[in-house]
Amino acid sequence: MGAEILLTNHHHLKEKGKEMSEIMNIDDRFKVPVEELRRVCTQEELDFCKSTLDVSPLDGFIVQDRTARSLQFGLSMSAPGYNIFVVGPPGTGKSTYTQAVVEQAAAGGDVPEDWCYINNFTDQDRPVAVSLPAGEGRGFQIDMEELLEDLRLAIPKAYESGEFEQQKSAIIQTVQQEMEGRFRALDREATEAGFDYETHTQRVWLYSSERGQTAFP
């Protein structure tokens, strides 16, 4: 059994070697000589210019056709949820090319609205987004800055006016009258229940009228 296996494997290797030899013979027909592996320009071919100053600048970028078509296709997708992912070795100009193509596509499209984010005083982590016609966002920002400057001057003056002092005094008087009314009602209820009370800062202490001990604050 062991000899049979060795003979079979040897036959298999001979067949494989024959196939590889045939493949190598086929490849010889497509070999390129070393002297033809580079392009040599003759002096006559370069007579169209004396220096690089005579060469017109390149309009555009040197990119593969497949790359250009893919980027154009991605920019033509108007449905939401699609993104373009550009990857490549550093220094190949992919960022410059992508920026130029995107700007060119944007120049030919509709002018988008201006979006402004306004502070949400209720939930500052969720600003309010407001859309304005194109070009009015900057004007809105300037108006808001001027409003803040005006308020910084107007609010302190409002607190210094005589009208504000009158309103302040009226509010304090109303609150004091309400507190006095509540304490009178508390006094009646405490007397009927056999308690006395005392007020200390922000607390009211109740005492038993018979024992003179503190009941609870």
C-alpha atoms as a PDB file:
ATOM      1  CA  MET A   1       0.000   0.000   0.000  1.00  0.00           C
ATOM      2  CA  GLY A   2       2.862   2.376   0.822  1.00  0.00           C
ATOM      3  CA  ALA A   3       4.613   1.741  -2.529  1.00  0.00           C
ATOM      4  CA  GLU A   4       1.411   2.325  -4.456  1.00  0.00           C
ATOM      5  CA  ILE A   5       0.931   5.678  -2.770  1.00  0.00           C
ATOM      6  CA  LEU A   6       4.494   6.776  -3.599  1.00  0.00           C
ATOM      7  CA  LEU A   7       4.092   5.810  -7.249  1.00  0.00           C
ATOM      8  CA  THR A   8       0.786   7.657  -7.477  1.00  0.00           C
ATOM      9  CA  ASN A   9       2.251  10.806  -5.940  1.00  0.00           C
ATOM     10  CA  HIS A  10       5.273  10.648  -8.248  1.00  0.00           C
ATOM     11  CA  HIS A  11       2.997  10.398 -11.275  1.00  0.00           C
ATOM     12  CA  HIS A  12       0.978  13.334 -10.015  1.00  0.00           C
ATOM     13  CA  LEU A  13       4.105  15.474  -9.611  1.00  0.00           C
ATOM     14  CA  LYS A  14       5.244  14.641 -13.151  1.00  0.00           C
ATOM     15  CA  GLU A  15       1.876  15.763 -14.533  1.00  0.00           C
ATOM     16  CA  LYS A  16       2.044  19.020 -12.573  1.00  0.00           C
ATOM     17  CA  GLY A  17       5.569  19.696 -13.784  1.00  0.00           C
ATOM     18  CA  LYS A  18       4.473  19.196 -17.362  1.00  0.00           C
ATOM     19  CA  GLU A  19       1.609  21.666 -16.936  1.00  0.00           C
ATOM     20  CA  MET A  20       3.922  24.297 -15.405  1.00  0.00           C
ATOM     21  CA  SER A  21       6.378  23.866 -18.268  1.00  0.00           C
ATOM     22  CA  GLU A  22       3.621  24.432 -20.809  1.00  0.00           C
ATOM     23  CA  ILE A  23       2.473  27.557 -18.941  1.00  0.00           C
ATOM     24  CA  MET A  24       6.019  28.943 -18.870  1.00  0.00           C
ATOM     25  CA  ASN A  25       6.391  28.349 -22.592  1.00  0.00           C
ATOM     26  CA  ILE A  26       3.189  30.268 -23.222  1.00  0.00           C
ATOM     27  CA  ASP A  27       4.366  33.151 -21.015  1.00  0.00           C
ATOM     28  CA  ASP A  28       7.584  33.447 -23.024  1.00  0.00           C
ATOM     29  CA  ARG A  29       5.573  34.768 -25.952  1.00  0.00           C
ATOM     30  CA  PHE A  30       4.400  37.729 -23.844  1.00  0.00           C
ATOM     31  CA  LYS A  31       7.739  38.702 -22.328  1.00  0.00           C
ATOM     32  CA  VAL A  32       8.825  42.308 -22.944  1.00  0.00           C
ATOM     33  CA  PRO A  33      12.530  42.922 -23.534  1.00  0.00           C
ATOM     34  CA  VAL A  34      14.278  45.105 -20.976  1.00  0.00           C
ATOM     35  CA  GLU A  35      15.096  47.805 -23.528  1.00  0.00           C
ATOM     36  CA  GLU A  36      11.372  48.213 -24.257  1.00  0.00           C
ATOM     37  CA  LEU A  37      10.285  48.663 -20.648  1.00  0.00           C
ATOM     38  CA  ARG A  38      10.683  52.444 -20.794  1.00  0.00           C
ATOM     39  CA  ARG A  39       9.613  55.210 -23.152  1.00  0.00           C
ATOM     40  CA  VAL A  40      12.454  57.277 -24.582  1.00  0.00           C
ATOM     41  CA  CYS A  41      11.581  60.629 -26.104  1.00  0.00           C
ATOM     42  CA  THR A  42      13.620  61.935 -28.998  1.00  0.00           C
ATOM     43  CA  GLN A  43      14.701  65.542 -29.422  1.00  0.00           C
ATOM     44  CA  GLU A  44      12.306  65.958 -32.339  1.00  0.00           C
ATOM     45  CA  GLU A  45       9.345  65.025 -30.155  1.00  0.00           C
ATOM     46  CA  LEU A  46      10.178  67.848 -27.730  1.00  0.00           C
ATOM     47  CA  ASP A  47      10.568  70.605 -30.301  1.00  0.00           C
ATOM     48  CA  PHE A  48       7.125  71.994 -29.483  1.00  0.00           C
ATOM     49  CA  CYS A  49       8.559  73.851 -26.460  1.00  0.00           C
ATOM     50  CA  LYS A  50      11.864  75.333 -25.346  1.00  0.00           C
ATOM     51  CA  SER A  51      11.089  75.181 -21.578  1.00  0.00           C
ATOM     52  CA  THR A  52       8.240  74.401 -19.184  1.00  0.00           C
ATOM     53  CA  LEU A  53       7.109  78.028 -19.534  1.00  0.00           C
ATOM     54  CA  ASP A  54       5.921  77.170 -23.036  1.00  0.00           C
ATOM     55  CA  VAL A  55       3.615  74.430 -21.717  1.00  0.00           C
ATOM     56  CA  SER A  56       0.072  75.525 -20.876  1.00  0.00           C
ATOM     57  CA  PRO A  57      -1.018  74.686 -17.326  1.00  0.00           C
ATOM     58  CA  LEU A  58      -3.100  71.570 -16.806  1.00  0.00           C
ATOM     59  CA  ASP A  59      -6.798  72.325 -16.464  1.00  0.00           C
ATOM     60  CA  GLY A  60      -8.097  69.737 -14.027  1.00  0.00           C
ATOM     61  CA  PHE A  61      -6.566  66.725 -12.320  1.00  0.00           C
ATOM     62  CA  ILE A  62      -4.897  63.538 -13.441  1.00  0.00           C
ATOM     63  CA  VAL A  63      -7.211  60.878 -12.088  1.00  0.00           C
ATOM     64  CA  GLN A  64      -8.474  57.510 -13.213  1.00  0.00           C
ATOM     65  CA  ASP A  65     -11.686  57.538 -15.224  1.00  0.00           C
ATOM     66  CA  ARG A  66     -13.300  55.133 -12.791  1.00  0.00           C
ATOM     67  CA  THR A  67     -12.545  57.480  -9.894  1.00  0.00           C
ATOM     68  CA  ALA A  68     -14.018  60.471 -11.707  1.00  0.00           C
ATOM     69  CA  ARG A  69     -17.149  58.555 -12.723  1.00  0.00           C
ATOM     70  CA  SER A  70     -17.684  57.224  -9.194  1.00  0.00           C
ATOM     71  CA  LEU A  71     -17.420  60.680  -7.642  1.00  0.00           C
ATOM     72  CA  GLN A  72     -19.745  62.209 -10.217  1.00  0.00           C
ATOM     73  CA  PHE A  73     -22.249  59.421  -9.650  1.00  0.00           C
ATOM     74  CA  GLY A  74     -22.151  59.927  -5.896  1.00  0.00           C
ATOM     75  CA  LEU A  75     -22.660  63.680  -6.224  1.00  0.00           C
ATOM     76  CA  SER A  76     -25.635  63.122  -8.507  1.00  0.00           C
ATOM     77  CA  MET A  77     -27.475  61.153  -5.796  1.00  0.00           C
ATOM     78  CA  SER A  78     -30.004  63.589  -4.336  1.00  0.00           C
ATOM     79  CA  ALA A  79     -31.685  61.076  -2.000  1.00  0.00           C
ATOM     80  CA  PRO A  80     -30.794  61.399   1.706  1.00  0.00           C
ATOM     81  CA  GLY A  81     -28.647  58.836   3.472  1.00  0.00           C
ATOM     82  CA  TYR A  82     -25.878  58.505   0.862  1.00  0.00           C
ATOM     83  CA  ASN A  83     -22.245  59.424   1.532  1.00  0.00           C
ATOM     84  CA  ILE A  84     -19.007  59.460  -0.467  1.00  0.00           C
ATOM     85  CA  PHE A  85     -15.941  57.804   1.057  1.00  0.00           C
ATOM     86  CA  VAL A  86     -12.605  58.743  -0.526  1.00  0.00           C
ATOM     87  CA  VAL A  87      -9.510  56.766   0.480  1.00  0.00           C
ATOM     88  CA  GLY A  88      -5.989  56.550  -0.855  1.00  0.00           C
ATOM     89  CA  PRO A  89      -2.308  57.009  -0.035  1.00  0.00           C
ATOM     90  CA  PRO A  90      -1.291  60.395   1.397  1.00  0.00           C
ATOM     91  CA  GLY A  91       0.057  63.018  -0.964  1.00  0.00           C
ATOM     92  CA  THR A  92      -1.914  61.846  -4.018  1.00  0.00           C
ATOM     93  CA  GLY A  93      -4.143  64.948  -4.157  1.00  0.00           C
ATOM     94  CA  LYS A  94      -7.368  63.145  -3.305  1.00  0.00           C
ATOM     95  CA  SER A  95      -8.526  65.847  -0.882  1.00  0.00           C
ATOM     96  CA  THR A  96      -7.789  68.685  -3.326  1.00  0.00           C
ATOM     97  CA  TYR A  97      -9.496  66.868  -6.178  1.00  0.00           C
ATOM     98  CA  THR A  98     -12.548  65.973  -4.087  1.00  0.00           C
ATOM     99  CA  GLN A  99     -12.899  69.547  -2.827  1.00  0.00           C
ATOM    100  CA  ALA A 100     -12.683  70.949  -6.366  1.00  0.00           C
ATOM    101  CA  VAL A 101     -15.262  68.533  -7.772  1.00  0.00           C
ATOM    102  CA  VAL A 102     -17.670  69.142  -4.879  1.00  0.00           C
ATOM    103  CA  GLU A 103     -17.377  72.920  -5.276  1.00  0.00           C
ATOM    104  CA  GLN A 104     -18.000  72.610  -9.007  1.00  0.00           C
ATOM    105  CA  ALA A 105     -21.100  70.488  -8.411  1.00  0.00           C
ATOM    106  CA  ALA A 106     -22.378  72.878  -5.734  1.00  0.00           C
ATOM    107  CA  ALA A 107     -21.946  75.878  -8.031  1.00  0.00           C
ATOM    108  CA  GLY A 108     -24.331  74.326 -10.524  1.00  0.00           C
ATOM    109  CA  GLY A 109     -26.979  73.319  -7.972  1.00  0.00           C
ATOM    110  CA  ASP A 110     -29.654  75.168  -6.039  1.00  0.00           C
ATOM    111  CA  VAL A 111     -28.531  77.641  -3.403  1.00  0.00           C
ATOM    112  CA  PRO A 112     -29.263  76.014  -0.004  1.00  0.00           C
ATOM    113  CA  GLU A 113     -30.958  77.791   2.858  1.00  0.00           C
ATOM    114  CA  ASP A 114     -29.029  79.276   5.760  1.00  0.00           C
ATOM    115  CA  TRP A 115     -29.355  77.300   8.990  1.00  0.00           C
ATOM    116  CA  CYS A 116     -29.002  79.069  12.329  1.00  0.00           C
ATOM    117  CA  TYR A 117     -28.817  77.376  15.713  1.00  0.00           C
ATOM    118  CA  ILE A 118     -30.378  79.408  18.530  1.00  0.00           C
ATOM    119  CA  ASN A 119     -29.877  78.779  22.221  1.00  0.00           C
ATOM    120  CA  ASN A 120     -32.647  76.754  23.844  1.00  0.00           C
ATOM    121  CA  PHE A 121     -33.091  78.210  27.325  1.00  0.00           C
ATOM    122  CA  THR A 122     -35.213  75.229  28.393  1.00  0.00           C
ATOM    123  CA  ASP A 123     -32.731  72.561  27.230  1.00  0.00           C
ATOM    124  CA  GLN A 124     -29.351  74.008  26.284  1.00  0.00           C
ATOM    125  CA  ASP A 125     -28.148  70.657  24.901  1.00  0.00           C
ATOM    126  CA  ARG A 126     -30.812  70.887  22.174  1.00  0.00           C
ATOM    127  CA  PRO A 127     -30.468  74.203  20.296  1.00  0.00           C
ATOM    128  CA  VAL A 128     -33.326  75.379  18.117  1.00  0.00           C
ATOM    129  CA  ALA A 129     -32.608  75.110  14.362  1.00  0.00           C
ATOM    130  CA  VAL A 130     -34.042  77.923  12.243  1.00  0.00           C
ATOM    131  CA  SER A 131     -33.845  78.003   8.433  1.00  0.00           C
ATOM    132  CA  LEU A 132     -33.633  81.351   6.631  1.00  0.00           C
ATOM    133  CA  PRO A 133     -33.433  82.264   2.939  1.00  0.00           C
ATOM    134  CA  ALA A 134     -29.941  82.059   1.510  1.00  0.00           C
ATOM    135  CA  GLY A 135     -27.804  85.017   2.543  1.00  0.00           C
ATOM    136  CA  GLU A 136     -29.940  86.140   5.490  1.00  0.00           C
ATOM    137  CA  GLY A 137     -28.222  84.017   8.139  1.00  0.00           C
ATOM    138  CA  ARG A 138     -25.282  86.388   8.466  1.00  0.00           C
ATOM    139  CA  GLY A 139     -27.606  89.383   8.797  1.00  0.00           C
ATOM    140  CA  PHE A 140     -29.575  87.582  11.499  1.00  0.00           C
ATOM    141  CA  GLN A 141     -26.364  86.888  13.407  1.00  0.00           C
ATOM    142  CA  ILE A 142     -25.380  90.583  13.271  1.00  0.00           C
ATOM    143  CA  ASP A 143     -28.860  91.655  14.439  1.00  0.00           C
ATOM    144  CA  MET A 144     -28.674  89.295  17.421  1.00  0.00           C
ATOM    145  CA  GLU A 145     -25.239  90.620  18.414  1.00  0.00           C
ATOM    146  CA  GLU A 146     -26.534  94.197  18.277  1.00  0.00           C
ATOM    147  CA  LEU A 147     -29.589  93.178  20.336  1.00  0.00           C
ATOM    148  CA  LEU A 148     -27.376  91.735  23.066  1.00  0.00           C
ATOM    149  CA  GLU A 149     -25.336  94.933  23.217  1.00  0.00           C
ATOM    150  CA  ASP A 150     -28.518  96.993  23.538  1.00  0.00           C
ATOM    151  CA  LEU A 151     -29.845  94.735  26.314  1.00  0.00           C
ATOM    152  CA  ARG A 152     -26.598  95.030  28.282  1.00  0.00           C
ATOM    153  CA  LEU A 153     -27.245  98.771  28.474  1.00  0.00           C
ATOM    154  CA  ALA A 154     -31.044  98.802  28.715  1.00  0.00           C
ATOM    155  CA  ILE A 155     -31.542  96.213  31.487  1.00  0.00           C
ATOM    156  CA  PRO A 156     -29.429  97.953  34.171  1.00  0.00           C
ATOM    157  CA  LYS A 157     -31.125 101.261  33.366  1.00  0.00           C
ATOM    158  CA  ALA A 158     -34.540  99.649  33.735  1.00  0.00           C
ATOM    159  CA  TYR A 159     -33.702  98.538  37.303  1.00  0.00           C
ATOM    160  CA  GLU A 160     -32.596 102.053  38.185  1.00  0.00           C
ATOM    161  CA  SER A 161     -35.788 103.786  37.064  1.00  0.00           C
ATOM    162  CA  GLY A 162     -38.435 105.095  39.484  1.00  0.00           C
ATOM    163  CA  GLU A 163     -41.150 102.995  37.829  1.00  0.00           C
ATOM    164  CA  PHE A 164     -39.252  99.803  38.642  1.00  0.00           C
ATOM    165  CA  GLU A 165     -38.884 100.835  42.289  1.00  0.00           C
ATOM    166  CA  GLN A 166     -42.625 101.451  42.515  1.00  0.00           C
ATOM    167  CA  GLN A 167     -43.429  98.046  41.051  1.00  0.00           C
ATOM    168  CA  LYS A 168     -40.917  96.416  43.387  1.00  0.00           C
ATOM    169  CA  SER A 169     -42.464  98.079  46.451  1.00  0.00           C
ATOM    170  CA  ALA A 170     -45.973  97.085  45.350  1.00  0.00           C
ATOM    171  CA  ILE A 171     -44.913  93.421  44.978  1.00  0.00           C
ATOM    172  CA  ILE A 172     -43.216  93.399  48.404  1.00  0.00           C
ATOM    173  CA  GLN A 173     -46.255  94.948  50.049  1.00  0.00           C
ATOM    174  CA  THR A 174     -48.588  92.402  48.444  1.00  0.00           C
ATOM    175  CA  VAL A 175     -46.437  89.498  49.621  1.00  0.00           C
ATOM    176  CA  GLN A 176     -46.218  90.884  53.160  1.00  0.00           C
ATOM    177  CA  GLN A 177     -49.991  91.287  53.373  1.00  0.00           C
ATOM    178  CA  GLU A 178     -50.498  87.720  52.197  1.00  0.00           C
ATOM    179  CA  MET A 179     -48.000  86.418  54.786  1.00  0.00           C
ATOM    180  CA  GLU A 180     -49.676  88.351  57.571  1.00  0.00           C
ATOM    181  CA  GLY A 181     -53.037  86.885  56.593  1.00  0.00           C
ATOM    182  CA  ARG A 182     -51.604  83.361  56.638  1.00  0.00           C
ATOM    183  CA  PHE A 183     -50.001  83.871  60.061  1.00  0.00           C
ATOM    184  CA  ARG A 184     -53.276  85.158  61.487  1.00  0.00           C
ATOM    185  CA  ALA A 185     -55.008  82.050  60.251  1.00  0.00           C
ATOM    186  CA  LEU A 186     -52.215  79.906  61.716  1.00  0.00           C
ATOM    187  CA  ASP A 187     -52.535  81.705  65.043  1.00  0.00           C
ATOM    188  CA  ARG A 188     -56.248  80.926  65.235  1.00  0.00           C
ATOM    189  CA  GLU A 189     -55.791  77.272  64.365  1.00  0.00           C
ATOM    190  CA  ALA A 190     -52.890  76.837  66.801  1.00  0.00           C
ATOM    191  CA  THR A 191     -54.834  78.450  69.659  1.00  0.00           C
ATOM    192  CA  GLU A 192     -57.843  76.227  69.045  1.00  0.00           C
ATOM    193  CA  ALA A 193     -55.591  73.140  69.018  1.00  0.00           C
ATOM    194  CA  GLY A 194     -53.733  74.168  72.213  1.00  0.00           C
ATOM    195  CA  PHE A 195     -50.435  75.210  70.615  1.00  0.00           C
ATOM    196  CA  ASP A 196     -48.292  78.323  70.581  1.00  0.00           C
ATOM    197  CA  TYR A 197     -45.782  79.067  67.824  1.00  0.00           C
ATOM    198  CA  GLU A 198     -42.692  81.088  67.161  1.00  0.00           C
ATOM    199  CA  THR A 199     -41.083  82.025  63.875  1.00  0.00           C
ATOM    200  CA  HIS A 200     -37.334  81.613  63.409  1.00  0.00           C
ATOM    201  CA  THR A 201     -35.870  82.647  60.029  1.00  0.00           C
ATOM    202  CA  GLN A 202     -37.515  80.215  57.604  1.00  0.00           C
ATOM    203  CA  ARG A 203     -39.064  77.873  60.204  1.00  0.00           C
ATOM    204  CA  VAL A 204     -42.116  77.928  62.476  1.00  0.00           C
ATOM    205  CA  TRP A 205     -41.816  76.159  65.859  1.00  0.00           C
ATOM    206  CA  LEU A 206     -44.952  74.859  67.566  1.00  0.00           C
ATOM    207  CA  TYR A 207     -45.148  74.514  71.366  1.00  0.00           C
ATOM    208  CA  SER A 208     -47.654  72.777  73.553  1.00  0.00           C
ATOM    209  CA  SER A 209     -49.555  75.420  75.505  1.00  0.00           C
ATOM    210  CA  GLU A 210     -49.886  73.167  78.571  1.00  0.00           C
ATOM    211  CA  ARG A 211     -46.377  71.642  78.884  1.00  0.00           C
ATOM    212  CA  GLY A 212     -44.294  74.310  77.109  1.00  0.00           C
ATOM    213  CA  GLN A 213     -42.476  71.653  75.092  1.00  0.00           C
ATOM    214  CA  THR A 214     -41.631  71.775  71.445  1.00  0.00           C
ATOM    215  CA  ALA A 215     -43.986  69.682  69.393  1.00  0.00           C
ATOM    216  CA  PHE A 216     -42.348  69.869  65.960  1.00  0.00           C
ATOM    217  CA  PRO A 217     -40.807  72.490  63.678  1.00  0.00           C
END
